Amino acid sequence: LGDRYGGSASPALMSMIEGHFQAAGW
């Protein structure tokens, strides 16, 4: 996941997306 090191998206959004893919087993 790329967010320009925090420059393009909310940390909370990044965590939600990260959790989604981790829950898929990746």
mmCIF file of all heavy atoms, coordinates in Angstrom:
data_MODEL
# 
_entry.id   MODEL 
# 
loop_
_atom_site.group_PDB 
_atom_site.id 
_atom_site.type_symbol 
_atom_site.label_atom_id 
_atom_site.label_alt_id 
_atom_site.label_comp_id 
_atom_site.label_asym_id 
_atom_site.label_entity_id 
_atom_site.label_seq_id 
_atom_site.pdbx_PDB_ins_code 
_atom_site.Cartn_x 
_atom_site.Cartn_y 
_atom_site.Cartn_z 
_atom_site.occupancy 
_atom_site.B_iso_or_equiv 
_atom_site.pdbx_formal_charge 
_atom_site.auth_seq_id 
_atom_site.auth_comp_id 
_atom_site.auth_asym_id 
_atom_site.auth_atom_id 
_atom_site.pdbx_PDB_model_num 
ATOM 1   N N   . LEU A 1 1  ? 0.846   -1.187  0.000  1.00 0.00 ? 1  LEU A N   1 
ATOM 2   C CA  . LEU A 1 1  ? 0.000   0.000   0.000  1.00 0.00 ? 1  LEU A CA  1 
ATOM 3   C C   . LEU A 1 1  ? 0.883   1.238   0.000  1.00 0.00 ? 1  LEU A C   1 
ATOM 4   O O   . LEU A 1 1  ? 1.785   1.367   0.834  1.00 0.00 ? 1  LEU A O   1 
ATOM 5   C CB  . LEU A 1 1  ? -0.902  0.014   1.242  1.00 0.00 ? 1  LEU A CB  1 
ATOM 6   C CG  . LEU A 1 1  ? -1.740  -1.243  1.488  1.00 0.00 ? 1  LEU A CG  1 
ATOM 7   C CD1 . LEU A 1 1  ? -2.542  -1.100  2.773  1.00 0.00 ? 1  LEU A CD1 1 
ATOM 8   C CD2 . LEU A 1 1  ? -2.642  -1.530  0.303  1.00 0.00 ? 1  LEU A CD2 1 
ATOM 9   N N   . GLY A 1 2  ? 0.636   2.145   -0.928 1.00 0.00 ? 2  GLY A N   1 
ATOM 10  C CA  . GLY A 1 2  ? 1.423   3.371   -1.016 1.00 0.00 ? 2  GLY A CA  1 
ATOM 11  C C   . GLY A 1 2  ? 0.583   4.594   -0.727 1.00 0.00 ? 2  GLY A C   1 
ATOM 12  O O   . GLY A 1 2  ? -0.473  4.789   -1.347 1.00 0.00 ? 2  GLY A O   1 
ATOM 13  N N   . ASP A 1 3  ? 1.044   5.405   0.210  1.00 0.00 ? 3  ASP A N   1 
ATOM 14  C CA  . ASP A 1 3  ? 0.355   6.669   0.513  1.00 0.00 ? 3  ASP A CA  1 
ATOM 15  C C   . ASP A 1 3  ? 1.337   7.832   0.569  1.00 0.00 ? 3  ASP A C   1 
ATOM 16  O O   . ASP A 1 3  ? 1.116   8.803   1.281  1.00 0.00 ? 3  ASP A O   1 
ATOM 17  C CB  . ASP A 1 3  ? -0.424  6.572   1.821  1.00 0.00 ? 3  ASP A CB  1 
ATOM 18  C CG  . ASP A 1 3  ? 0.475   6.434   3.054  1.00 0.00 ? 3  ASP A CG  1 
ATOM 19  O OD1 . ASP A 1 3  ? 1.696   6.171   2.893  1.00 0.00 ? 3  ASP A OD1 1 
ATOM 20  O OD2 . ASP A 1 3  ? -0.032  6.583   4.185  1.00 0.00 ? 3  ASP A OD2 1 
ATOM 21  N N   . ARG A 1 4  ? 2.432   7.700   -0.208 1.00 0.00 ? 4  ARG A N   1 
ATOM 22  C CA  . ARG A 1 4  ? 3.457   8.748   -0.229 1.00 0.00 ? 4  ARG A CA  1 
ATOM 23  C C   . ARG A 1 4  ? 3.979   9.019   1.185  1.00 0.00 ? 4  ARG A C   1 
ATOM 24  O O   . ARG A 1 4  ? 4.169   10.147  1.599  1.00 0.00 ? 4  ARG A O   1 
ATOM 25  C CB  . ARG A 1 4  ? 2.909   10.035  -0.851 1.00 0.00 ? 4  ARG A CB  1 
ATOM 26  C CG  . ARG A 1 4  ? 2.238   9.862   -2.200 1.00 0.00 ? 4  ARG A CG  1 
ATOM 27  C CD  . ARG A 1 4  ? 3.188   9.552   -3.305 1.00 0.00 ? 4  ARG A CD  1 
ATOM 28  N NE  . ARG A 1 4  ? 4.130   10.646  -3.543 1.00 0.00 ? 4  ARG A NE  1 
ATOM 29  C CZ  . ARG A 1 4  ? 5.029   10.644  -4.524 1.00 0.00 ? 4  ARG A CZ  1 
ATOM 30  N NH1 . ARG A 1 4  ? 5.120   9.601   -5.326 1.00 0.00 ? 4  ARG A NH1 1 
ATOM 31  N NH2 . ARG A 1 4  ? 5.840   11.656  -4.687 1.00 0.00 ? 4  ARG A NH2 1 
ATOM 32  N N   . TYR A 1 5  ? 4.182   7.951   1.939  1.00 0.00 ? 5  TYR A N   1 
ATOM 33  C CA  . TYR A 1 5  ? 4.671   8.042   3.316  1.00 0.00 ? 5  TYR A CA  1 
ATOM 34  C C   . TYR A 1 5  ? 3.790   8.956   4.171  1.00 0.00 ? 5  TYR A C   1 
ATOM 35  O O   . TYR A 1 5  ? 4.282   9.788   4.938  1.00 0.00 ? 5  TYR A O   1 
ATOM 36  C CB  . TYR A 1 5  ? 6.134   8.496   3.335  1.00 0.00 ? 5  TYR A CB  1 
ATOM 37  C CG  . TYR A 1 5  ? 7.063   7.479   2.725  1.00 0.00 ? 5  TYR A CG  1 
ATOM 38  C CD1 . TYR A 1 5  ? 7.455   7.580   1.399  1.00 0.00 ? 5  TYR A CD1 1 
ATOM 39  C CD2 . TYR A 1 5  ? 7.524   6.395   3.473  1.00 0.00 ? 5  TYR A CD2 1 
ATOM 40  C CE1 . TYR A 1 5  ? 8.298   6.629   0.826  1.00 0.00 ? 5  TYR A CE1 1 
ATOM 41  C CE2 . TYR A 1 5  ? 8.367   5.446   2.909  1.00 0.00 ? 5  TYR A CE2 1 
ATOM 42  C CZ  . TYR A 1 5  ? 8.752   5.565   1.592  1.00 0.00 ? 5  TYR A CZ  1 
ATOM 43  O OH  . TYR A 1 5  ? 9.576   4.622   1.031  1.00 0.00 ? 5  TYR A OH  1 
ATOM 44  N N   . GLY A 1 6  ? 2.486   8.759   4.035  1.00 0.00 ? 6  GLY A N   1 
ATOM 45  C CA  . GLY A 1 6  ? 1.534   9.515   4.835  1.00 0.00 ? 6  GLY A CA  1 
ATOM 46  C C   . GLY A 1 6  ? 1.033   10.780  4.186  1.00 0.00 ? 6  GLY A C   1 
ATOM 47  O O   . GLY A 1 6  ? 0.169   11.462  4.749  1.00 0.00 ? 6  GLY A O   1 
ATOM 48  N N   . GLY A 1 7  ? 1.520   11.098  2.988  1.00 0.00 ? 7  GLY A N   1 
ATOM 49  C CA  . GLY A 1 7  ? 1.164   12.370  2.374  1.00 0.00 ? 7  GLY A CA  1 
ATOM 50  C C   . GLY A 1 7  ? -0.112  12.371  1.573  1.00 0.00 ? 7  GLY A C   1 
ATOM 51  O O   . GLY A 1 7  ? -0.642  13.436  1.255  1.00 0.00 ? 7  GLY A O   1 
ATOM 52  N N   . SER A 1 8  ? -0.652  11.186  1.224  1.00 0.00 ? 8  SER A N   1 
ATOM 53  C CA  . SER A 1 8  ? -1.810  11.167  0.326  1.00 0.00 ? 8  SER A CA  1 
ATOM 54  C C   . SER A 1 8  ? -3.060  10.544  0.925  1.00 0.00 ? 8  SER A C   1 
ATOM 55  O O   . SER A 1 8  ? -4.105  10.532  0.272  1.00 0.00 ? 8  SER A O   1 
ATOM 56  C CB  . SER A 1 8  ? -1.461  10.435  -0.980 1.00 0.00 ? 8  SER A CB  1 
ATOM 57  O OG  . SER A 1 8  ? -1.291  9.044   -0.744 1.00 0.00 ? 8  SER A OG  1 
ATOM 58  N N   . ALA A 1 9  ? -2.979  10.036  2.153  1.00 0.00 ? 9  ALA A N   1 
ATOM 59  C CA  . ALA A 1 9  ? -4.153  9.377   2.727  1.00 0.00 ? 9  ALA A CA  1 
ATOM 60  C C   . ALA A 1 9  ? -4.080  9.382   4.247  1.00 0.00 ? 9  ALA A C   1 
ATOM 61  O O   . ALA A 1 9  ? -3.004  9.457   4.841  1.00 0.00 ? 9  ALA A O   1 
ATOM 62  C CB  . ALA A 1 9  ? -4.270  7.942   2.219  1.00 0.00 ? 9  ALA A CB  1 
ATOM 63  N N   . SER A 1 10 ? -5.236  9.261   4.853  1.00 0.00 ? 10 SER A N   1 
ATOM 64  C CA  . SER A 1 10 ? -5.348  9.206   6.308  1.00 0.00 ? 10 SER A CA  1 
ATOM 65  C C   . SER A 1 10 ? -4.730  7.923   6.866  1.00 0.00 ? 10 SER A C   1 
ATOM 66  O O   . SER A 1 10 ? -4.918  6.848   6.301  1.00 0.00 ? 10 SER A O   1 
ATOM 67  C CB  . SER A 1 10 ? -6.825  9.276   6.705  1.00 0.00 ? 10 SER A CB  1 
ATOM 68  O OG  . SER A 1 10 ? -7.067  8.680   7.952  1.00 0.00 ? 10 SER A OG  1 
ATOM 69  N N   . PRO A 1 11 ? -4.024  7.996   7.999  1.00 0.00 ? 11 PRO A N   1 
ATOM 70  C CA  . PRO A 1 11 ? -3.507  6.776   8.627  1.00 0.00 ? 11 PRO A CA  1 
ATOM 71  C C   . PRO A 1 11 ? -4.618  5.785   8.978  1.00 0.00 ? 11 PRO A C   1 
ATOM 72  O O   . PRO A 1 11 ? -4.423  4.573   8.864  1.00 0.00 ? 11 PRO A O   1 
ATOM 73  C CB  . PRO A 1 11 ? -2.811  7.302   9.890  1.00 0.00 ? 11 PRO A CB  1 
ATOM 74  C CG  . PRO A 1 11 ? -2.451  8.712   9.577  1.00 0.00 ? 11 PRO A CG  1 
ATOM 75  C CD  . PRO A 1 11 ? -3.562  9.221   8.704  1.00 0.00 ? 11 PRO A CD  1 
ATOM 76  N N   . ALA A 1 12 ? -5.772  6.290   9.393  1.00 0.00 ? 12 ALA A N   1 
ATOM 77  C CA  . ALA A 1 12 ? -6.879  5.393   9.736  1.00 0.00 ? 12 ALA A CA  1 
ATOM 78  C C   . ALA A 1 12 ? -7.368  4.634   8.505  1.00 0.00 ? 12 ALA A C   1 
ATOM 79  O O   . ALA A 1 12 ? -7.696  3.436   8.585  1.00 0.00 ? 12 ALA A O   1 
ATOM 80  C CB  . ALA A 1 12 ? -8.024  6.196   10.351 1.00 0.00 ? 12 ALA A CB  1 
ATOM 81  N N   . LEU A 1 13 ? -7.406  5.300   7.366  1.00 0.00 ? 13 LEU A N   1 
ATOM 82  C CA  . LEU A 1 13 ? -7.802  4.635   6.126  1.00 0.00 ? 13 LEU A CA  1 
ATOM 83  C C   . LEU A 1 13 ? -6.779  3.577   5.748  1.00 0.00 ? 13 LEU A C   1 
ATOM 84  O O   . LEU A 1 13 ? -7.139  2.454   5.356  1.00 0.00 ? 13 LEU A O   1 
ATOM 85  C CB  . LEU A 1 13 ? -7.947  5.664   5.008  1.00 0.00 ? 13 LEU A CB  1 
ATOM 86  C CG  . LEU A 1 13 ? -8.250  5.103   3.622  1.00 0.00 ? 13 LEU A CG  1 
ATOM 87  C CD1 . LEU A 1 13 ? -9.594  4.389   3.602  1.00 0.00 ? 13 LEU A CD1 1 
ATOM 88  C CD2 . LEU A 1 13 ? -8.217  6.223   2.572  1.00 0.00 ? 13 LEU A CD2 1 
ATOM 89  N N   . MET A 1 14 ? -5.517  3.897   5.850  1.00 0.00 ? 14 MET A N   1 
ATOM 90  C CA  . MET A 1 14 ? -4.477  2.930   5.529  1.00 0.00 ? 14 MET A CA  1 
ATOM 91  C C   . MET A 1 14 ? -4.591  1.697   6.422  1.00 0.00 ? 14 MET A C   1 
ATOM 92  O O   . MET A 1 14 ? -4.449  0.561   5.955  1.00 0.00 ? 14 MET A O   1 
ATOM 93  C CB  . MET A 1 14 ? -3.098  3.573   5.682  1.00 0.00 ? 14 MET A CB  1 
ATOM 94  C CG  . MET A 1 14 ? -2.755  4.560   4.589  1.00 0.00 ? 14 MET A CG  1 
ATOM 95  S SD  . MET A 1 14 ? -2.443  3.759   2.983  1.00 0.00 ? 14 MET A SD  1 
ATOM 96  C CE  . MET A 1 14 ? -0.775  3.119   3.269  1.00 0.00 ? 14 MET A CE  1 
ATOM 97  N N   . SER A 1 15 ? -4.863  1.909   7.688  1.00 0.00 ? 15 SER A N   1 
ATOM 98  C CA  . SER A 1 15 ? -4.992  0.774   8.600  1.00 0.00 ? 15 SER A CA  1 
ATOM 99  C C   . SER A 1 15 ? -6.186  -0.091  8.242  1.00 0.00 ? 15 SER A C   1 
ATOM 100 O O   . SER A 1 15 ? -6.126  -1.329  8.329  1.00 0.00 ? 15 SER A O   1 
ATOM 101 C CB  . SER A 1 15 ? -5.122  1.283   10.041 1.00 0.00 ? 15 SER A CB  1 
ATOM 102 O OG  . SER A 1 15 ? -3.928  1.906   10.460 1.00 0.00 ? 15 SER A OG  1 
ATOM 103 N N   . MET A 1 16 ? -7.286  0.537   7.831  1.00 0.00 ? 16 MET A N   1 
ATOM 104 C CA  . MET A 1 16 ? -8.461  -0.239  7.429  1.00 0.00 ? 16 MET A CA  1 
ATOM 105 C C   . MET A 1 16 ? -8.148  -1.093  6.207  1.00 0.00 ? 16 MET A C   1 
ATOM 106 O O   . MET A 1 16 ? -8.506  -2.277  6.152  1.00 0.00 ? 16 MET A O   1 
ATOM 107 C CB  . MET A 1 16 ? -9.636  0.699   7.129  1.00 0.00 ? 16 MET A CB  1 
ATOM 108 C CG  . MET A 1 16 ? -10.877 -0.021  6.614  1.00 0.00 ? 16 MET A CG  1 
ATOM 109 S SD  . MET A 1 16 ? -12.295 1.072   6.336  1.00 0.00 ? 16 MET A SD  1 
ATOM 110 C CE  . MET A 1 16 ? -12.881 1.242   8.022  1.00 0.00 ? 16 MET A CE  1 
ATOM 111 N N   . ILE A 1 17 ? -7.486  -0.507  5.207  1.00 0.00 ? 17 ILE A N   1 
ATOM 112 C CA  . ILE A 1 17 ? -7.161  -1.254  3.991  1.00 0.00 ? 17 ILE A CA  1 
ATOM 113 C C   . ILE A 1 17 ? -6.158  -2.362  4.300  1.00 0.00 ? 17 ILE A C   1 
ATOM 114 O O   . ILE A 1 17 ? -6.277  -3.492  3.817  1.00 0.00 ? 17 ILE A O   1 
ATOM 115 C CB  . ILE A 1 17 ? -6.623  -0.299  2.914  1.00 0.00 ? 17 ILE A CB  1 
ATOM 116 C CG1 . ILE A 1 17 ? -7.704  0.720   2.527  1.00 0.00 ? 17 ILE A CG1 1 
ATOM 117 C CG2 . ILE A 1 17 ? -6.166  -1.075  1.683  1.00 0.00 ? 17 ILE A CG2 1 
ATOM 118 C CD1 . ILE A 1 17 ? -7.217  1.817   1.610  1.00 0.00 ? 17 ILE A CD1 1 
ATOM 119 N N   . GLU A 1 18 ? -5.163  -2.041  5.104  1.00 0.00 ? 18 GLU A N   1 
ATOM 120 C CA  . GLU A 1 18 ? -4.174  -3.041  5.499  1.00 0.00 ? 18 GLU A CA  1 
ATOM 121 C C   . GLU A 1 18 ? -4.842  -4.223  6.195  1.00 0.00 ? 18 GLU A C   1 
ATOM 122 O O   . GLU A 1 18 ? -4.575  -5.389  5.879  1.00 0.00 ? 18 GLU A O   1 
ATOM 123 C CB  . GLU A 1 18 ? -3.140  -2.405  6.410  1.00 0.00 ? 18 GLU A CB  1 
ATOM 124 C CG  . GLU A 1 18 ? -2.037  -3.348  6.856  1.00 0.00 ? 18 GLU A CG  1 
ATOM 125 C CD  . GLU A 1 18 ? -1.011  -2.644  7.723  1.00 0.00 ? 18 GLU A CD  1 
ATOM 126 O OE1 . GLU A 1 18 ? -1.424  -1.908  8.660  1.00 0.00 ? 18 GLU A OE1 1 
ATOM 127 O OE2 . GLU A 1 18 ? 0.188   -2.818  7.488  1.00 0.00 ? 18 GLU A OE2 1 
ATOM 128 N N   . GLY A 1 19 ? -5.746  -3.942  7.134  1.00 0.00 ? 19 GLY A N   1 
ATOM 129 C CA  . GLY A 1 19 ? -6.439  -5.000  7.852  1.00 0.00 ? 19 GLY A CA  1 
ATOM 130 C C   . GLY A 1 19 ? -7.284  -5.865  6.938  1.00 0.00 ? 19 GLY A C   1 
ATOM 131 O O   . GLY A 1 19 ? -7.400  -7.084  7.135  1.00 0.00 ? 19 GLY A O   1 
ATOM 132 N N   . HIS A 1 20 ? -7.868  -5.240  5.927  1.00 0.00 ? 20 HIS A N   1 
ATOM 133 C CA  . HIS A 1 20 ? -8.692  -5.988  4.979  1.00 0.00 ? 20 HIS A CA  1 
ATOM 134 C C   . HIS A 1 20 ? -7.866  -7.037  4.244  1.00 0.00 ? 20 HIS A C   1 
ATOM 135 O O   . HIS A 1 20 ? -8.282  -8.207  4.144  1.00 0.00 ? 20 HIS A O   1 
ATOM 136 C CB  . HIS A 1 20 ? -9.324  -5.022  3.974  1.00 0.00 ? 20 HIS A CB  1 
ATOM 137 C CG  . HIS A 1 20 ? -10.013 -5.689  2.834  1.00 0.00 ? 20 HIS A CG  1 
ATOM 138 N ND1 . HIS A 1 20 ? -11.236 -6.308  2.962  1.00 0.00 ? 20 HIS A ND1 1 
ATOM 139 C CD2 . HIS A 1 20 ? -9.631  -5.864  1.526  1.00 0.00 ? 20 HIS A CD2 1 
ATOM 140 C CE1 . HIS A 1 20 ? -11.592 -6.825  1.794  1.00 0.00 ? 20 HIS A CE1 1 
ATOM 141 N NE2 . HIS A 1 20 ? -10.646 -6.564  0.912  1.00 0.00 ? 20 HIS A NE2 1 
ATOM 142 N N   . PHE A 1 21 ? -6.702  -6.657  3.747  1.00 0.00 ? 21 PHE A N   1 
ATOM 143 C CA  . PHE A 1 21 ? -5.881  -7.611  3.011  1.00 0.00 ? 21 PHE A CA  1 
ATOM 144 C C   . PHE A 1 21 ? -5.226  -8.630  3.948  1.00 0.00 ? 21 PHE A C   1 
ATOM 145 O O   . PHE A 1 21 ? -5.040  -9.796  3.566  1.00 0.00 ? 21 PHE A O   1 
ATOM 146 C CB  . PHE A 1 21 ? -4.834  -6.876  2.186  1.00 0.00 ? 21 PHE A CB  1 
ATOM 147 C CG  . PHE A 1 21 ? -5.395  -6.193  0.964  1.00 0.00 ? 21 PHE A CG  1 
ATOM 148 C CD1 . PHE A 1 21 ? -5.357  -4.812  0.839  1.00 0.00 ? 21 PHE A CD1 1 
ATOM 149 C CD2 . PHE A 1 21 ? -5.962  -6.932  -0.058 1.00 0.00 ? 21 PHE A CD2 1 
ATOM 150 C CE1 . PHE A 1 21 ? -5.877  -4.179  -0.278 1.00 0.00 ? 21 PHE A CE1 1 
ATOM 151 C CE2 . PHE A 1 21 ? -6.492  -6.313  -1.184 1.00 0.00 ? 21 PHE A CE2 1 
ATOM 152 C CZ  . PHE A 1 21 ? -6.454  -4.933  -1.293 1.00 0.00 ? 21 PHE A CZ  1 
ATOM 153 N N   . GLN A 1 22 ? -4.889  -8.227  5.146  1.00 0.00 ? 22 GLN A N   1 
ATOM 154 C CA  . GLN A 1 22 ? -4.347  -9.193  6.105  1.00 0.00 ? 22 GLN A CA  1 
ATOM 155 C C   . GLN A 1 22 ? -5.381  -10.247 6.473  1.00 0.00 ? 22 GLN A C   1 
ATOM 156 O O   . GLN A 1 22 ? -5.055  -11.437 6.609  1.00 0.00 ? 22 GLN A O   1 
ATOM 157 C CB  . GLN A 1 22 ? -3.870  -8.459  7.362  1.00 0.00 ? 22 GLN A CB  1 
ATOM 158 C CG  . GLN A 1 22 ? -2.590  -7.665  7.150  1.00 0.00 ? 22 GLN A CG  1 
ATOM 159 C CD  . GLN A 1 22 ? -2.205  -6.828  8.353  1.00 0.00 ? 22 GLN A CD  1 
ATOM 160 O OE1 . GLN A 1 22 ? -3.057  -6.451  9.159  1.00 0.00 ? 22 GLN A OE1 1 
ATOM 161 N NE2 . GLN A 1 22 ? -0.923  -6.515  8.470  1.00 0.00 ? 22 GLN A NE2 1 
ATOM 162 N N   . ALA A 1 23 ? -6.631  -9.820  6.592  1.00 0.00 ? 23 ALA A N   1 
ATOM 163 C CA  . ALA A 1 23 ? -7.700  -10.780 6.903  1.00 0.00 ? 23 ALA A CA  1 
ATOM 164 C C   . ALA A 1 23 ? -7.893  -11.791 5.785  1.00 0.00 ? 23 ALA A C   1 
ATOM 165 O O   . ALA A 1 23 ? -8.368  -12.913 6.017  1.00 0.00 ? 23 ALA A O   1 
ATOM 166 C CB  . ALA A 1 23 ? -9.011  -10.039 7.171  1.00 0.00 ? 23 ALA A CB  1 
ATOM 167 N N   . ALA A 1 24 ? -7.510  -11.405 4.552  1.00 0.00 ? 24 ALA A N   1 
ATOM 168 C CA  . ALA A 1 24 ? -7.576  -12.333 3.421  1.00 0.00 ? 24 ALA A CA  1 
ATOM 169 C C   . ALA A 1 24 ? -6.415  -13.321 3.426  1.00 0.00 ? 24 ALA A C   1 
ATOM 170 O O   . ALA A 1 24 ? -6.368  -14.235 2.593  1.00 0.00 ? 24 ALA A O   1 
ATOM 171 C CB  . ALA A 1 24 ? -7.598  -11.559 2.113  1.00 0.00 ? 24 ALA A CB  1 
ATOM 172 N N   . GLY A 1 25 ? -5.459  -13.131 4.340  1.00 0.00 ? 25 GLY A N   1 
ATOM 173 C CA  . GLY A 1 25 ? -4.360  -14.072 4.492  1.00 0.00 ? 25 GLY A CA  1 
ATOM 174 C C   . GLY A 1 25 ? -3.063  -13.672 3.826  1.00 0.00 ? 25 GLY A C   1 
ATOM 175 O O   . GLY A 1 25 ? -2.146  -14.498 3.714  1.00 0.00 ? 25 GLY A O   1 
ATOM 176 N N   . TRP A 1 26 ? -2.937  -12.397 3.425  1.00 0.00 ? 26 TRP A N   1 
ATOM 177 C CA  . TRP A 1 26 ? -1.747  -11.966 2.706  1.00 0.00 ? 26 TRP A CA  1 
ATOM 178 C C   . TRP A 1 26 ? -0.845  -11.078 3.556  1.00 0.00 ? 26 TRP A C   1 
ATOM 179 O O   . TRP A 1 26 ? -1.310  -10.361 4.455  1.00 0.00 ? 26 TRP A O   1 
ATOM 180 C CB  . TRP A 1 26 ? -2.151  -11.209 1.429  1.00 0.00 ? 26 TRP A CB  1 
ATOM 181 C CG  . TRP A 1 26 ? -2.871  -12.082 0.457  1.00 0.00 ? 26 TRP A CG  1 
ATOM 182 C CD1 . TRP A 1 26 ? -2.538  -13.362 0.094  1.00 0.00 ? 26 TRP A CD1 1 
ATOM 183 C CD2 . TRP A 1 26 ? -4.069  -11.758 -0.259 1.00 0.00 ? 26 TRP A CD2 1 
ATOM 184 N NE1 . TRP A 1 26 ? -3.437  -13.847 -0.815 1.00 0.00 ? 26 TRP A NE1 1 
ATOM 185 C CE2 . TRP A 1 26 ? -4.386  -12.894 -1.055 1.00 0.00 ? 26 TRP A CE2 1 
ATOM 186 C CE3 . TRP A 1 26 ? -4.883  -10.636 -0.322 1.00 0.00 ? 26 TRP A CE3 1 
ATOM 187 C CZ2 . TRP A 1 26 ? -5.496  -12.929 -1.882 1.00 0.00 ? 26 TRP A CZ2 1 
ATOM 188 C CZ3 . TRP A 1 26 ? -5.985  -10.664 -1.159 1.00 0.00 ? 26 TRP A CZ3 1 
ATOM 189 C CH2 . TRP A 1 26 ? -6.287  -11.802 -1.923 1.00 0.00 ? 26 TRP A CH2 1 
# 
